[in-house]
Protein backbone atom coordinates (compact mmCIF):
# COMPACT_ATOMS: atom_id res chain seq x y z
CA UNK A 1 -25.08 -10.01 23.10
CA UNK A 2 -28.57 -10.13 25.02
CA UNK A 3 -30.48 -11.46 22.03
CA UNK A 4 -29.23 -15.14 21.49
CA UNK A 5 -30.34 -14.95 17.94
CA UNK A 6 -28.59 -11.71 16.75
CA UNK A 7 -26.61 -11.98 14.05
CA UNK A 8 -24.18 -9.92 11.91
CA UNK A 9 -25.64 -7.38 9.70
CA UNK A 10 -23.17 -5.28 7.65
CA UNK A 11 -20.54 -3.33 9.57
CA UNK A 12 -22.28 -4.01 13.36
CA UNK A 13 -24.75 -6.63 15.51
CA UNK A 14 -28.10 -6.73 15.99
CA UNK A 15 -29.13 -7.07 19.68
CA UNK A 16 -27.78 -4.88 22.34
CA UNK A 17 -24.37 -5.18 24.27
CA UNK A 18 -23.71 -7.74 27.25
CA UNK A 19 -23.67 -6.24 30.66
CA UNK A 20 -19.92 -7.29 30.99
CA UNK A 21 -16.87 -7.93 28.93
CA UNK A 22 -13.69 -8.89 29.15
CA UNK A 23 -12.32 -5.84 27.17
CA UNK A 24 -14.13 -2.76 25.73
CA UNK A 25 -12.55 -1.36 22.98
CA UNK A 26 -13.14 2.53 22.31
CA UNK A 27 -13.09 3.09 18.61
CA UNK A 28 -13.69 1.01 15.79
CA UNK A 29 -10.79 2.37 13.25
CA UNK A 30 -7.82 0.79 12.43
CA UNK A 31 -6.23 0.31 15.70
CA UNK A 32 -9.36 -0.71 17.94
CA UNK A 33 -10.46 -3.39 14.74
CA UNK A 34 -7.19 -4.69 14.28
CA UNK A 35 -6.22 -5.00 18.01
CA UNK A 36 -10.09 -6.94 18.82
CA UNK A 37 -9.05 -9.35 15.87
CA UNK A 38 -5.35 -10.10 17.31
CA UNK A 39 -6.99 -10.64 20.95
CA UNK A 40 -9.87 -13.15 19.91
CA UNK A 41 -7.30 -14.72 17.98
CA UNK A 42 -4.81 -15.22 20.85
CA UNK A 43 -7.40 -16.57 23.33
CA UNK A 44 -10.68 -17.16 21.65
CA UNK A 45 -12.65 -17.18 24.77
CA UNK A 46 -12.40 -13.71 25.47
CA UNK A 47 -15.08 -11.53 25.10
CA UNK A 48 -14.55 -8.19 23.48
CA UNK A 49 -17.19 -4.98 23.34
CA UNK A 50 -15.95 -2.79 20.26
CA UNK A 51 -17.52 0.60 20.36
CA UNK A 52 -17.72 2.49 16.81
CA UNK A 53 -19.33 6.19 16.68
CA UNK A 54 -19.95 6.33 13.16
CA UNK A 55 -22.99 4.78 11.96
CA UNK A 56 -22.94 2.40 9.07
CA UNK A 57 -19.53 0.73 7.11
CA UNK A 58 -16.87 3.22 6.82
CA UNK A 59 -16.81 4.84 2.98
CA UNK A 60 -14.57 3.61 0.16
CA UNK A 61 -11.45 5.62 0.43
CA UNK A 62 -11.78 6.73 3.76
CA UNK A 63 -10.33 9.83 4.65
CA UNK A 64 -7.95 9.03 7.18
CA UNK A 65 -4.22 9.78 6.72
CA UNK A 66 -2.48 5.87 7.24
CA UNK A 67 -3.14 4.96 3.84
CA UNK A 68 0.51 3.67 3.58
CA UNK A 69 1.98 0.52 4.97
CA UNK A 70 5.68 -0.77 5.35
CA UNK A 71 7.28 -4.14 6.32
CA UNK A 72 6.21 -4.17 9.93
CA UNK A 73 2.38 -3.51 9.82
CA UNK A 74 2.21 -5.12 6.28
CA UNK A 75 3.76 -8.38 8.40
CA UNK A 76 1.06 -7.56 11.26
CA UNK A 77 -1.76 -7.15 9.13
CA UNK A 78 -1.02 -9.97 6.56
CA UNK A 79 0.56 -12.76 8.86
CA UNK A 80 -0.17 -12.21 12.57
CA UNK A 81 -4.05 -11.02 12.00
CA UNK A 82 -3.70 -13.37 8.85
CA UNK A 83 -5.33 -11.10 6.36
CA UNK A 84 -2.61 -11.66 3.41
CA UNK A 85 -5.12 -12.80 1.16
CA UNK A 86 -7.29 -9.59 1.14
CA UNK A 87 -4.23 -7.33 0.86
CA UNK A 88 -3.13 -9.42 -2.11
CA UNK A 89 -6.47 -9.73 -3.38
CA UNK A 90 -8.25 -6.12 -2.52
CA UNK A 91 -5.63 -3.53 -1.63
CA UNK A 92 -2.86 -2.38 -4.23
CA UNK A 93 0.70 -3.74 -3.81
CA UNK A 94 3.32 -1.16 -2.73
CA UNK A 95 6.40 -0.24 -4.65
CA UNK A 96 8.28 1.18 -1.64
CA UNK A 97 9.04 4.62 -0.52
CA UNK A 98 10.17 6.92 -3.61
CA UNK A 99 11.43 10.41 -3.34
CA UNK A 100 12.65 13.00 -5.62
CA UNK A 101 14.59 15.56 -4.57
CA UNK A 102 14.39 19.38 -6.21
CA UNK A 103 15.55 20.11 -9.78
CA UNK A 104 15.13 23.60 -10.68
CA UNK A 105 11.77 24.51 -10.16
CA UNK A 106 10.45 21.36 -10.58
CA UNK A 107 9.07 21.10 -13.73
CA UNK A 108 10.76 17.92 -15.21
CA UNK A 109 10.50 15.21 -12.73
CA UNK A 110 13.55 12.99 -14.95
CA UNK A 111 16.11 15.47 -13.75
CA UNK A 112 14.99 15.02 -10.04
CA UNK A 113 17.26 13.28 -8.01
CA UNK A 114 15.19 9.88 -7.69
CA UNK A 115 15.88 7.35 -4.75
CA UNK A 116 13.81 4.25 -4.64
CA UNK A 117 13.00 0.66 -5.88
CA UNK A 118 13.26 -0.64 -9.47
CA UNK A 119 10.52 -3.56 -8.49
CA UNK A 120 8.45 -4.62 -6.19
CA UNK A 121 10.28 -6.15 -2.90
CA UNK A 122 11.00 -9.76 -2.18
CA UNK A 123 8.70 -8.94 1.40
CA UNK A 124 5.69 -6.88 0.50
CA UNK A 125 3.78 -3.89 1.52
CA UNK A 126 0.43 -2.25 0.82
CA UNK A 127 -1.60 0.69 -0.05
CA UNK A 128 -4.31 0.87 1.87
CA UNK A 129 -7.75 1.76 1.33
CA UNK A 130 -8.84 2.78 4.87
CA UNK A 131 -12.28 2.23 4.09
CA UNK A 132 -12.12 -0.97 2.41
CA UNK A 133 -9.61 -2.41 4.75
CA UNK A 134 -11.71 -1.11 7.55
CA UNK A 135 -14.94 -2.71 6.27
CA UNK A 136 -13.28 -5.87 5.76
CA UNK A 137 -11.79 -5.96 9.70
CA UNK A 138 -14.97 -5.45 10.53
CA UNK A 139 -16.42 -8.40 8.97
CA UNK A 140 -13.55 -10.21 10.36
CA UNK A 141 -14.36 -9.33 13.48
CA UNK A 142 -18.12 -10.38 13.85
CA UNK A 143 -17.34 -13.70 11.93
CA UNK A 144 -14.99 -14.15 14.68
CA UNK A 145 -17.80 -13.48 17.42
CA UNK A 146 -16.77 -10.18 18.74
CA UNK A 147 -19.60 -7.66 19.67
CA UNK A 148 -18.95 -4.42 17.14
CA UNK A 149 -21.98 -1.60 18.08
CA UNK A 150 -22.14 1.29 15.72
CA UNK A 151 -23.15 4.54 16.56
CA UNK A 152 -22.06 4.29 19.96
CA UNK A 153 -20.64 7.40 21.57
CA UNK A 154 -18.78 6.83 24.46
CA UNK A 155 -19.66 9.73 27.49
CA UNK A 156 -17.64 8.73 30.52
CA UNK A 157 -15.14 6.14 31.54
CA UNK A 158 -14.87 5.05 35.42
CA UNK A 159 -11.63 3.72 36.15
CA UNK A 160 -12.18 1.04 39.21
CA UNK A 161 -9.95 -1.16 41.00
CA UNK A 162 -12.45 -4.09 40.01
CA UNK A 163 -13.95 -3.92 36.65
CA UNK A 164 -14.27 -0.75 34.75
CA UNK A 165 -17.25 0.73 33.61
CA UNK A 166 -18.42 2.48 30.29
CA UNK A 167 -20.74 4.69 29.78
CA UNK A 168 -22.61 5.20 26.43
CA UNK A 169 -25.24 6.64 24.26
CA UNK A 170 -26.62 4.57 21.41
CA UNK A 171 -29.76 5.45 19.41
CA UNK A 172 -30.71 7.94 21.56
CA UNK A 173 -30.62 5.92 24.73
CA UNK A 174 -28.27 6.08 27.30
CA UNK A 175 -26.48 2.96 28.74
CA UNK A 176 -23.53 1.36 30.63
CA UNK A 177 -21.37 -1.92 30.84
CA UNK A 178 -18.24 -3.22 32.77
CA UNK A 179 -14.88 -4.78 31.17
CA UNK A 180 -12.13 -5.75 33.23
CA UNK A 181 -9.97 -4.13 30.48
CA UNK A 182 -10.94 -0.95 29.03
CA UNK A 183 -8.65 0.43 25.86
CA UNK A 184 -8.71 3.56 23.92
CA UNK A 185 -8.91 3.63 20.14
CA UNK A 186 -11.04 6.49 19.55
CA UNK A 187 -7.96 8.63 17.58
CA UNK A 188 -7.62 11.89 18.44
CA UNK A 189 -10.75 11.97 20.49
CA UNK A 190 -8.12 10.28 23.00
CA UNK A 191 -10.74 9.71 25.70
CA UNK A 192 -8.50 8.34 28.37
CA UNK A 193 -5.65 10.62 27.59
CA UNK A 194 -7.56 13.49 28.51
CA UNK A 195 -9.33 12.06 31.46
CA UNK A 196 -6.20 10.79 32.73
CA UNK A 197 -4.05 14.32 32.12
CA UNK A 198 -1.57 12.39 30.17
CA UNK A 199 -0.89 14.69 27.24
CA UNK A 200 2.51 15.38 26.03
CA UNK A 201 3.61 17.65 23.91
CA UNK A 202 6.95 17.43 21.80
CA UNK A 203 8.95 19.71 19.99
CA UNK A 204 8.05 18.42 16.46
CA UNK A 205 6.06 20.96 14.68
CA UNK A 206 4.68 20.26 11.41
CA UNK A 207 1.05 21.26 9.44
CA UNK A 208 -0.70 19.02 6.99
CA UNK A 209 -3.36 19.15 3.99
CA UNK A 210 -4.27 16.53 1.74
CA UNK A 211 -7.10 15.57 -0.38
CA UNK A 212 -7.61 12.34 -2.56
CA UNK A 213 -8.31 13.45 -6.51
CA UNK A 214 -10.64 11.01 -8.30
CA UNK A 215 -9.18 8.72 -11.18
CA UNK A 216 -5.86 8.62 -9.54
CA UNK A 217 -2.53 9.83 -11.22
CA UNK A 218 0.57 8.17 -12.56
CA UNK A 219 3.58 10.53 -12.25
CA UNK A 220 5.02 8.34 -15.63
CA UNK A 221 2.94 10.67 -17.50
CA UNK A 222 4.77 13.55 -16.60
CA UNK A 223 8.00 12.65 -18.68
CA UNK A 224 8.55 10.99 -21.92
CA UNK A 225 12.42 10.30 -21.52
CA UNK A 226 12.87 6.94 -22.42
CA UNK A 227 16.09 6.71 -20.39
CA UNK A 228 13.77 7.87 -17.26
CA UNK A 229 11.59 5.25 -18.11
CA UNK A 230 13.97 2.16 -18.50
CA UNK A 231 15.41 2.88 -14.79
CA UNK A 232 12.43 0.54 -13.84
CA UNK A 233 11.89 -2.65 -14.55
CA UNK A 234 8.28 -2.87 -15.65
CA UNK A 235 5.25 -0.45 -15.86
CA UNK A 236 3.55 0.80 -13.00
CA UNK A 237 6.47 0.61 -10.36
CA UNK A 238 6.76 4.02 -9.76
CA UNK A 239 2.81 4.22 -9.52
CA UNK A 240 2.91 1.89 -6.76
CA UNK A 241 4.88 3.28 -4.57
CA UNK A 242 4.51 5.95 -2.14
CA UNK A 243 6.01 8.90 -3.94
CA UNK A 244 7.49 11.66 -1.74
CA UNK A 245 8.16 14.54 -3.49
CA UNK A 246 10.67 16.74 -1.52
CA UNK A 247 11.74 20.42 -1.03
CA UNK A 248 13.42 22.85 1.44
CA UNK A 249 10.74 22.58 4.70
CA UNK A 250 8.60 20.02 3.31
CA UNK A 251 7.38 16.74 1.00
CA UNK A 252 4.15 15.96 -0.79
CA UNK A 253 3.08 12.60 -0.63
CA UNK A 254 1.25 10.76 -3.35
CA UNK A 255 -0.56 7.18 -2.48
CA UNK A 256 -2.59 5.51 -4.99
CA UNK A 257 -5.81 3.49 -3.44
CA UNK A 258 -7.13 0.17 -4.85
CA UNK A 259 -10.62 2.08 -5.35
CA UNK A 260 -9.30 4.57 -7.83
CA UNK A 261 -8.57 7.92 -6.22
CA UNK A 262 -5.12 9.12 -5.22
CA UNK A 263 -4.46 10.54 -1.90
CA UNK A 264 -2.04 13.89 -2.33
CA UNK A 265 -0.46 15.47 0.95
CA UNK A 266 1.16 18.23 2.14
CA UNK A 267 3.24 17.96 4.74
CA UNK A 268 5.37 21.42 5.77
CA UNK A 269 7.28 22.62 8.43
CA UNK A 270 5.99 26.25 9.41
CA UNK A 271 8.94 28.01 9.79
CA UNK A 272 9.46 27.72 5.75
CA UNK A 273 5.61 27.32 5.11
CA UNK A 274 3.39 29.03 6.83
CA UNK A 275 0.39 27.09 7.84
CA UNK A 276 -1.87 29.81 6.26
CA UNK A 277 -0.36 29.11 2.58
CA UNK A 278 -2.09 25.14 2.75
CA UNK A 279 -5.26 25.71 5.32
CA UNK A 280 -7.85 25.77 2.57
CA UNK A 281 -7.95 24.16 -0.96
CA UNK A 282 -7.35 27.01 -3.30
CA UNK A 283 -4.37 27.96 -1.34
CA UNK A 284 -2.81 24.24 -1.20
CA UNK A 285 -3.53 24.10 -4.80
CA UNK A 286 -1.78 27.81 -5.37
CA UNK A 287 1.27 26.64 -3.15
CA UNK A 288 1.72 23.00 -5.14
CA UNK A 289 1.74 25.76 -8.17
CA UNK A 290 4.93 27.42 -6.59
CA UNK A 291 6.60 24.24 -5.18
CA UNK A 292 5.50 21.54 -7.32
CA UNK A 293 5.28 22.44 -10.64
CA UNK A 294 4.01 19.42 -12.21
CA UNK A 295 1.73 17.91 -9.80
CA UNK A 296 0.23 21.67 -8.97
CA UNK A 297 -0.49 21.90 -12.90
CA UNK A 298 -2.19 18.39 -13.05
CA UNK A 299 -4.22 19.34 -9.62
CA UNK A 300 -5.35 22.37 -10.97
CA UNK A 301 -6.64 21.26 -14.38
CA UNK A 302 -8.59 18.47 -12.47
CA UNK A 303 -10.38 20.58 -9.71
CA UNK A 304 -13.90 18.85 -10.24
CA UNK A 305 -11.94 15.85 -9.63
CA UNK A 306 -11.05 16.82 -5.91
CA UNK A 307 -13.27 14.46 -3.75
CA UNK A 308 -12.52 16.36 -0.29
CA UNK A 309 -9.79 18.50 1.87
CA UNK A 310 -8.78 18.20 5.21
CA UNK A 311 -6.13 19.82 6.90
CA UNK A 312 -4.53 19.38 10.67
CA UNK A 313 -1.85 21.77 12.51
CA UNK A 314 0.67 21.24 14.69
CA UNK A 315 0.07 17.05 14.35
CA UNK A 316 2.40 15.76 16.31
CA UNK A 317 2.27 14.91 19.77
CA UNK A 318 3.57 12.44 23.03
CA UNK A 319 1.97 10.40 26.10
CA UNK A 320 3.18 10.03 29.54
CA UNK A 321 1.74 6.39 29.27
CA UNK A 322 0.05 4.24 27.31
CA UNK A 323 -0.23 0.52 29.04
CA UNK A 324 -0.97 0.56 32.92
CA UNK A 325 -0.92 -2.49 35.34
CA UNK A 326 -4.63 -0.99 35.89
CA UNK A 327 -5.65 -2.61 33.23
CA UNK A 328 -6.04 0.29 30.62
CA UNK A 329 -4.39 0.84 27.43
CA UNK A 330 -4.08 3.35 24.65
CA UNK A 331 -3.71 2.49 21.13
CA UNK A 332 -3.08 4.11 17.73
CA UNK A 333 -3.19 7.71 17.22
CA UNK A 334 -5.48 7.98 20.75
CA UNK A 335 -2.03 7.92 22.32
CA UNK A 336 1.17 9.08 20.30
CA UNK A 337 1.63 10.43 16.88
CA UNK A 338 5.08 11.58 14.82
CA UNK A 339 4.75 12.29 11.17
CA UNK A 340 3.57 10.30 8.05
CA UNK A 341 7.37 10.32 6.68
CA UNK A 342 8.29 7.09 6.46
CA UNK A 343 4.32 5.69 7.26
CA UNK A 344 5.36 4.44 10.80
CA UNK A 345 1.51 4.79 12.21
CA UNK A 346 0.30 1.42 11.42
CA UNK A 347 4.15 0.13 12.37
CA UNK A 348 3.00 1.53 16.00
CA UNK A 349 -0.35 0.31 16.14
CA UNK A 350 0.87 -3.52 15.06
CA UNK A 351 3.65 -2.81 18.31
CA UNK A 352 1.43 -1.38 20.65
CA UNK A 353 -1.43 -3.94 20.05
CA UNK A 354 0.96 -6.57 20.28
CA UNK A 355 1.76 -5.39 23.90
CA UNK A 356 -1.54 -4.86 24.65
CA UNK A 357 -2.79 -8.66 23.75
CA UNK A 358 0.20 -9.75 25.71
CA UNK A 359 -1.14 -7.91 28.89
CA UNK A 360 -4.53 -8.78 28.59
CA UNK A 361 -3.85 -12.52 28.07
CA UNK A 362 -1.50 -12.49 30.89
CA UNK A 363 -3.95 -10.58 33.44
CA UNK A 364 -7.00 -12.81 32.25
CA UNK A 365 -4.86 -15.91 32.72
CA UNK A 366 -4.51 -14.87 36.35
CA UNK A 367 -0.35 -13.66 35.75
CA UNK A 368 1.23 -10.68 36.93
CA UNK A 369 1.24 -7.86 34.84
CA UNK A 370 3.27 -5.27 36.85
CA UNK A 371 6.60 -5.87 35.50
CA UNK A 372 5.38 -6.30 31.81
CA UNK A 373 3.33 -3.22 32.01
CA UNK A 374 6.34 -1.28 33.00
CA UNK A 375 8.67 -2.23 30.05
CA UNK A 376 6.55 -2.25 27.07
CA UNK A 377 5.55 1.02 28.23
CA UNK A 378 8.77 1.97 28.45
CA UNK A 379 10.21 0.08 25.25
CA UNK A 380 7.04 1.70 23.24
CA UNK A 381 7.31 5.18 24.83
CA UNK A 382 11.34 5.17 24.14
CA UNK A 383 10.94 3.74 20.57
CA UNK A 384 8.48 6.37 19.94
CA UNK A 385 10.68 9.38 21.15
CA UNK A 386 13.55 8.06 19.71
CA UNK A 387 12.15 8.06 16.44
CA UNK A 388 10.80 11.96 16.76
CA UNK A 389 14.00 12.97 18.02
CA UNK A 390 16.58 11.18 15.23
CA UNK A 391 14.31 11.67 12.31
CA UNK A 392 12.01 14.14 12.55
CA UNK A 393 12.98 16.78 15.19
CA UNK A 394 14.50 20.13 13.60
CA UNK A 395 15.33 18.36 10.34
CA UNK A 396 12.71 19.56 7.63
CA UNK A 397 15.16 22.23 6.39
CA UNK A 398 17.44 18.73 5.39
CA UNK A 399 14.46 17.73 3.08
CA UNK A 400 15.59 19.18 0.00
CA UNK A 401 18.96 18.78 0.52
CA UNK A 402 19.63 15.40 -2.03
CA UNK A 403 23.03 14.96 -0.86
CA UNK A 404 22.46 15.06 2.65
CA UNK A 405 19.15 13.05 2.59
CA UNK A 406 20.43 10.34 0.48
CA UNK A 407 22.59 9.12 3.25
CA UNK A 408 20.29 10.11 5.78
CA UNK A 409 17.54 7.58 4.00
CA UNK A 410 20.26 5.03 3.80
CA UNK A 411 21.09 5.69 7.30
CA UNK A 412 17.54 5.22 8.26
CA UNK A 413 16.46 2.30 6.38
CA UNK A 414 19.13 0.07 7.80
CA UNK A 415 18.30 1.31 11.03
CA UNK A 416 14.83 0.48 10.86
CA UNK A 417 15.35 -3.18 9.16
CA UNK A 418 18.25 -3.85 11.21
CA UNK A 419 16.64 -2.93 14.84
CA UNK A 420 12.74 -2.04 14.67
CA UNK A 421 11.51 -4.93 12.00
CA UNK A 422 13.74 -7.56 12.97
CA UNK A 423 12.44 -8.68 16.45
CA UNK A 424 8.77 -8.15 15.11
CA UNK A 425 8.99 -10.24 12.37
CA UNK A 426 10.86 -12.79 14.42
CA UNK A 427 7.92 -12.54 17.17
CA UNK A 428 10.34 -11.10 20.00
CA UNK A 429 8.80 -7.85 20.42
CA UNK A 430 7.17 -9.29 23.82
CA UNK A 431 9.90 -11.45 24.79
CA UNK A 432 11.64 -9.46 28.22
CA UNK A 433 14.57 -12.06 28.21
CA UNK A 434 15.59 -11.50 24.63
CA UNK A 435 14.90 -8.05 24.70
CA UNK A 436 17.84 -7.75 27.45
CA UNK A 437 20.22 -10.11 25.73
CA UNK A 438 20.44 -8.19 22.57
CA UNK A 439 19.95 -4.30 24.52
CA UNK A 440 23.58 -3.54 24.37
CA UNK A 441 23.84 -4.02 20.88
CA UNK A 442 20.60 -2.04 20.37
CA UNK A 443 22.04 0.93 22.58
CA UNK A 444 25.37 1.07 19.95
CA UNK A 445 22.56 2.05 17.15
CA UNK A 446 20.71 4.30 19.13
CA UNK A 447 23.91 5.79 20.15
CA UNK A 448 25.58 6.20 16.53
CA UNK A 449 21.77 7.60 15.42
CA UNK A 450 21.71 10.33 18.03
CA UNK A 451 25.33 11.70 16.95
CA UNK A 452 24.32 11.23 13.23
CA UNK A 453 21.36 13.77 13.73
CA UNK A 454 23.75 16.39 14.43
CA UNK A 455 26.03 15.17 11.62
CA UNK A 456 23.21 15.49 9.43
CA UNK A 457 22.04 19.23 10.11
CA UNK A 458 25.85 20.47 10.53
CA UNK A 459 26.54 19.03 6.89
CA UNK A 460 23.31 20.82 5.70
CA UNK A 461 24.28 24.22 6.60
CA UNK A 462 27.80 23.39 5.70
CA UNK A 463 26.58 22.36 2.21
CA UNK A 464 23.20 22.44 -0.33
CA UNK A 465 24.47 21.28 -3.69
CA UNK A 466 21.79 20.80 -6.50
CA UNK A 467 22.38 17.16 -8.43
CA UNK A 468 20.29 16.41 -11.72
CA UNK A 469 19.40 13.33 -13.62
CA UNK A 470 20.65 10.93 -10.98
CA UNK A 471 18.66 7.62 -10.02
CA UNK A 472 19.70 5.76 -6.61
CA UNK A 473 18.12 2.18 -6.11
CA UNK A 474 17.72 0.64 -3.06
CA UNK A 475 19.01 -2.78 -3.98
CA UNK A 476 22.50 -0.67 -4.88
CA UNK A 477 23.97 -1.74 -1.56
CA UNK A 478 24.04 -5.31 -0.94
CA UNK A 479 24.61 -5.19 2.91
CA UNK A 480 21.51 -2.98 2.97
CA UNK A 481 19.59 -4.84 0.61
CA UNK A 482 20.10 -8.26 3.06
CA UNK A 483 18.89 -6.35 6.01
CA UNK A 484 15.61 -6.42 4.14
CA UNK A 485 15.68 -9.92 3.55
CA UNK A 486 16.51 -10.96 6.94
CA UNK A 487 13.45 -9.57 8.87
CA UNK A 488 11.29 -12.87 7.44
CA UNK A 489 14.84 -15.45 7.56
CA UNK A 490 13.15 -17.26 10.35
CA UNK A 491 16.31 -16.83 12.84
CA UNK A 492 16.02 -19.11 15.82
CA UNK A 493 17.03 -17.61 19.17
CA UNK A 494 21.01 -17.76 19.15
CA UNK A 495 21.37 -16.82 15.72
CA UNK A 496 19.38 -13.64 16.06
CA UNK A 497 21.05 -12.44 18.99
CA UNK A 498 24.83 -12.73 16.53
CA UNK A 499 22.68 -11.26 14.22
CA UNK A 500 21.79 -7.92 16.28
CA UNK A 501 25.51 -8.12 16.84
CA UNK A 502 26.36 -7.99 13.31
CA UNK A 503 23.84 -5.57 12.58
CA UNK A 504 25.22 -3.28 15.18
CA UNK A 505 28.53 -3.59 13.37
CA UNK A 506 27.35 -2.68 10.05
CA UNK A 507 25.61 -0.07 11.45
CA UNK A 508 28.42 1.72 12.93
CA UNK A 509 30.45 1.02 9.85
CA UNK A 510 27.75 2.86 7.77
CA UNK A 511 28.01 5.49 10.01
CA UNK A 512 31.81 6.21 9.56
CA UNK A 513 31.71 6.02 5.89
CA UNK A 514 28.34 8.87 5.95
CA UNK A 515 30.87 10.72 8.91
CA UNK A 516 33.66 10.43 6.41
CA UNK A 517 31.75 11.99 3.05
CA UNK A 518 30.31 14.83 5.61
CA UNK A 519 33.69 15.81 6.50
CA UNK A 520 34.19 16.86 2.99
CA UNK A 521 32.23 20.01 3.56
CA UNK A 522 34.66 20.99 6.11
CA UNK A 523 37.54 23.27 4.99
CA UNK A 524 40.97 22.51 5.59
CA UNK A 525 39.87 18.31 6.85
CA UNK A 526 40.89 15.09 5.66
CA UNK A 527 40.35 11.61 7.37
CA UNK A 528 43.42 9.20 7.46
CA UNK A 529 41.84 6.14 6.20
CA UNK A 530 44.11 4.00 8.54
CA UNK A 531 42.74 5.55 11.94
CA UNK A 532 40.41 4.27 14.08
CA UNK A 533 36.95 6.42 14.15
CA UNK A 534 34.72 5.68 16.95
CA UNK A 535 31.63 6.02 15.59
CA UNK A 536 29.57 6.92 19.21
CA UNK A 537 31.98 10.21 18.99
CA UNK A 538 31.43 11.39 15.48
CA UNK A 539 30.71 15.30 14.84
CA UNK A 540 31.48 18.13 12.41
CA UNK A 541 32.89 19.99 14.91
CA UNK A 542 36.64 19.40 14.91
CA UNK A 543 37.07 21.47 18.05
CA UNK A 544 35.33 18.67 19.69
CA UNK A 545 37.07 15.94 18.21
CA UNK A 546 40.04 15.51 20.73
CA UNK A 547 37.63 16.21 23.44
CA UNK A 548 35.32 13.44 22.28
CA UNK A 549 38.08 11.26 21.64
CA UNK A 550 36.85 10.80 18.01
CA UNK A 551 40.40 8.96 16.82
CA UNK A 552 42.39 6.27 17.51
CA UNK A 553 40.88 4.33 20.48
CA UNK A 554 38.54 2.57 20.01
CA UNK A 555 35.85 1.89 16.64
CA UNK A 556 37.27 1.00 13.05
CA UNK A 557 39.36 2.71 10.32
CA UNK A 558 37.93 4.27 7.44
CA UNK A 559 39.28 1.71 5.39
CA UNK A 560 37.83 -1.35 7.42
CA UNK A 561 34.31 1.13 7.25
CA UNK A 562 34.55 0.71 3.58
CA UNK A 563 35.21 -2.83 3.41
CA UNK A 564 32.15 -3.96 5.37
CA UNK A 565 29.91 -1.46 3.12
CA UNK A 566 30.79 -2.30 -0.02
CA UNK A 567 28.50 -0.97 -2.61
CA UNK A 568 27.29 2.05 -0.05
CA UNK A 569 29.19 4.02 -2.25
CA UNK A 570 26.47 3.69 -4.86
CA UNK A 571 23.96 5.72 -2.81
CA UNK A 572 25.91 8.44 -2.11
CA UNK A 573 25.19 11.53 -4.35
CA UNK A 574 28.84 13.00 -4.46
CA UNK A 575 30.23 9.35 -5.33
CA UNK A 576 28.33 9.09 -8.22
CA UNK A 577 27.60 12.33 -9.79
CA UNK A 578 28.47 15.88 -10.31
CA UNK A 579 26.71 18.64 -8.78
CA UNK A 580 25.37 21.07 -11.24
């Protein structure tokens, strides 16, 4: 700051920005503020300018998607950034992800198949009030010595071989500053992506509408069935979950906020639920009354408590590059956004910010960054594209199929804990030597995932049976639960490498057992318990089995797979219940 006597005041600083900074962060939201704090902690002498367009603090319960964290992002905010005390004191603990699948007209939640936790998890995650959390991040940035200025509108960025130049306006005056690094954290404005023509469309087409309801909402009040209530180990567990109300072509989120409201959002595939059915508040409530009767009736009764409404059409997109050796980067939704299902947004913020922090620190130390920038870009975008293709694209038709989705959720939790979250918890995200050492095992996991995508779709086309009144605990499969516990185990490098190989073996066994369940939907087909099945060749197309060498040569037998996955049967609907 040019005024040496300037002091932090609320959400910003007094005085004027310096003429030059090491890093200019364009955007003072979740991605930009967390990156700036991470950079300052990693290299305290780094000078950092943060330009936030909004004037003043963020309103409480700020109207933004991204209120729900999962393990990776919770670890990032709590441990990497050192914000655990705030999270535990001022945000809500999260009782995991919880799913309710359709039962009749959805008028009795106790009859819906429920998948979720019975208690708070060992490794915590949190429900974030984005306004409260971003205001706290702003305070931490100011206390760390970062220059955060509100009311700043970025007009132009001139990327140069030497320092880049940022042109902006503040308080009606045009200004410029130079910075060695420019990081676009501008959100949907996507300043650098638009300037550089880096936009990349994706096949995934989904729309959303959401609002906040004052006073919150507790789904436990929707049933007085004592057996249903006794499933939980204590009161309030369901309320603290990110609850998903599932149906064909859609899901609805219910996320409680620490300041009192609850965030309610509809996410729908337009092939099943056109955007014009949810694009106004009245239409969205009518849609809820048709598809999610209990929720719709409660919202309809409490219309006067609805605080706001927003909708977005075709929200998924990718990017051609997010990290450049030419000293610019994109973080948060300025680069990519997939889907809020599984709450991956803050995970990508955590990973993207960690890559950028490493690149900036290396560059400011005089190190060469061409190789790491290329590797980090490939890793980040590869993970994004894999998630988009294996979890979301052309899969919303499955969302209401409880039998298929219970298997799919088990698989995707296992992949997340075994592959995506594990290296981040152990500080290995930017370790290229470690990445090379475990690449073969990662490829095994990804290869099987790519086959299961087609298995799940085909299974759904063959069978869509309704089950009722069933509860599946996310601790019912011990090996899956162990993957969660392993996240913070503190493995040394060699143990972690062995763990990757073990995890790949476990995932292959899970895939074989899931495949065996799906095969039951095929007419006149059965599997020999003692014939090897190649997990990387599974499909529900019997005509391809011989050509793909599915049986006999490599892999593991169904009997072996069952032994490796004891308890998995407790999470597969056909094994524990009868369809209606």
